Amino acid sequence: MTTGERIKQLRLAEGMTQEELGRKVGVKKSAIHKYESGMIINLKRDVIAKLAEALGTTGSYLIGLRDEEEIKKESTINNNDKLITNLYHELTPENQQKILELARLYIAGQANK
């Protein structure tokens, strides 16, 4: 899949028009059309970054360096990290220490396998 195809696919999945995406990125609708159709293939880094942000992805995905599955896995890991951190901070200091001790026991058990 080309960069243009990825941009179009993500834009449509977000329910955005070319004009709306252009506003978010700071370019005209015609530029988005050219990106999607492949008329412009060497996008500037700042444009790639703005497109990625507007489309909820990464520049690496847009230019084809990473696939969607890698992005999803990374996102899941990041969400789990945030969840664990939030839960940890809801605990009392005493219970935080218990969780740390339990985690160390699990890590030690993994090392023995």
Protein backbone atom coordinates (compact mmCIF):
# COMPACT_ATOMS: atom_id res chain seq x y z
CA MET A 1 0.00 0.00 0.00
CA THR A 2 1.33 3.44 -0.90
CA THR A 3 1.55 6.43 1.40
CA GLY A 4 -1.31 8.06 -0.49
CA GLU A 5 -3.48 4.98 -0.11
CA ARG A 6 -2.75 4.87 3.62
CA ILE A 7 -3.65 8.55 4.00
CA LYS A 8 -6.92 8.08 2.13
CA GLN A 9 -7.82 4.90 4.00
CA LEU A 10 -7.23 6.52 7.40
CA ARG A 11 -9.00 9.73 6.39
CA LEU A 12 -12.09 7.82 5.30
CA ALA A 13 -12.00 5.66 8.44
CA GLU A 14 -12.07 8.88 10.47
CA GLY A 15 -14.99 10.16 8.39
CA MET A 16 -13.04 13.21 7.25
CA THR A 17 -13.20 15.00 3.95
CA GLN A 18 -10.05 16.08 2.15
CA GLU A 19 -10.91 19.64 3.12
CA GLU A 20 -11.20 18.77 6.82
CA LEU A 21 -7.90 16.91 6.79
CA GLY A 22 -6.29 19.80 4.96
CA ARG A 23 -7.45 22.24 7.65
CA LYS A 24 -6.00 20.02 10.39
CA VAL A 25 -2.68 19.72 8.57
CA GLY A 26 -2.55 23.33 7.39
CA VAL A 27 -2.69 22.64 3.65
CA LYS A 28 -5.33 23.03 0.96
CA LYS A 29 -7.75 20.33 -0.10
CA SER A 30 -5.90 20.08 -3.41
CA ALA A 31 -2.69 19.14 -1.56
CA ILE A 32 -4.48 16.29 0.23
CA HIS A 33 -5.83 15.13 -3.14
CA LYS A 34 -2.29 15.16 -4.56
CA TYR A 35 -0.92 13.20 -1.57
CA GLU A 36 -3.65 10.58 -1.85
CA SER A 37 -3.42 10.22 -5.61
CA GLY A 38 0.37 9.87 -5.53
CA MET A 39 1.02 13.06 -7.48
CA ILE A 40 3.27 14.16 -4.62
CA ILE A 41 5.33 11.31 -3.21
CA ASN A 42 8.15 13.05 -1.35
CA LEU A 43 6.30 14.60 1.56
CA LYS A 44 8.19 16.83 3.95
CA ARG A 45 8.77 15.46 7.46
CA ASP A 46 6.64 18.14 9.10
CA VAL A 47 3.74 17.35 6.76
CA ILE A 48 4.04 13.63 7.51
CA ALA A 49 4.03 14.39 11.24
CA LYS A 50 0.94 16.61 10.95
CA LEU A 51 -0.86 14.04 8.79
CA ALA A 52 -0.04 11.28 11.27
CA GLU A 53 -1.32 13.32 14.20
CA ALA A 54 -4.52 14.29 12.39
CA LEU A 55 -5.14 10.67 11.35
CA GLY A 56 -4.28 9.12 14.71
CA THR A 57 -1.29 7.13 13.52
CA THR A 58 2.47 7.45 13.18
CA GLY A 59 4.65 8.81 10.43
CA SER A 60 6.31 5.40 10.24
CA TYR A 61 3.01 3.81 9.33
CA LEU A 62 2.15 6.47 6.76
CA ILE A 63 5.39 6.03 4.84
CA GLY A 64 5.25 2.25 5.08
CA LEU A 65 8.05 1.56 7.56
CA ARG A 66 5.69 -0.15 10.02
CA ASP A 67 2.47 -2.02 9.51
CA GLU A 68 -0.84 -1.47 11.23
CA GLU A 69 -0.49 -4.54 13.44
CA GLU A 70 2.73 -3.19 14.96
CA ILE A 71 0.98 0.10 15.70
CA LYS A 72 -1.97 -1.70 17.34
CA LYS A 73 0.34 -3.83 19.49
CA GLU A 74 2.29 -0.77 20.58
CA SER A 75 -0.93 1.08 21.38
CA THR A 76 -2.19 -1.84 23.48
CA ILE A 77 1.09 -1.96 25.38
CA ASN A 78 0.96 1.78 26.01
CA ASN A 79 -2.67 1.53 27.18
CA ASN A 80 -1.78 -1.33 29.54
CA ASP A 81 1.14 0.67 30.92
CA LYS A 82 -1.16 3.62 31.58
CA LEU A 83 -3.77 1.37 33.19
CA ILE A 84 -1.23 -0.26 35.50
CA THR A 85 0.22 3.11 36.44
CA ASN A 86 -3.21 4.58 37.18
CA LEU A 87 -4.23 1.60 39.28
CA TYR A 88 -0.93 1.71 41.18
CA HIS A 89 -1.44 5.38 42.04
CA GLU A 90 -4.90 4.63 43.43
CA LEU A 91 -3.39 2.30 46.03
CA THR A 92 -2.24 3.32 49.48
CA PRO A 93 1.55 3.49 49.96
CA GLU A 94 1.36 0.25 51.94
CA ASN A 95 -0.46 -1.56 49.13
CA GLN A 96 1.91 -0.08 46.55
CA GLN A 97 4.78 -1.78 48.39
CA LYS A 98 2.88 -5.08 48.39
CA ILE A 99 2.36 -4.84 44.64
CA LEU A 100 6.06 -4.14 44.09
CA GLU A 101 7.01 -7.16 46.21
CA LEU A 102 4.56 -9.34 44.29
CA ALA A 103 5.90 -8.12 40.95
CA ARG A 104 9.46 -8.93 42.07
CA LEU A 105 8.34 -12.46 43.05
CA TYR A 106 6.79 -12.97 39.61
CA ILE A 107 9.93 -11.72 37.89
CA ALA A 108 12.11 -14.02 39.98
CA GLY A 109 9.80 -16.93 39.11
CA GLN A 110 10.10 -16.16 35.39
CA ALA A 111 13.87 -16.19 35.62
CA ASN A 112 13.81 -19.70 37.09
CA LYS A 113 11.83 -21.14 34.16
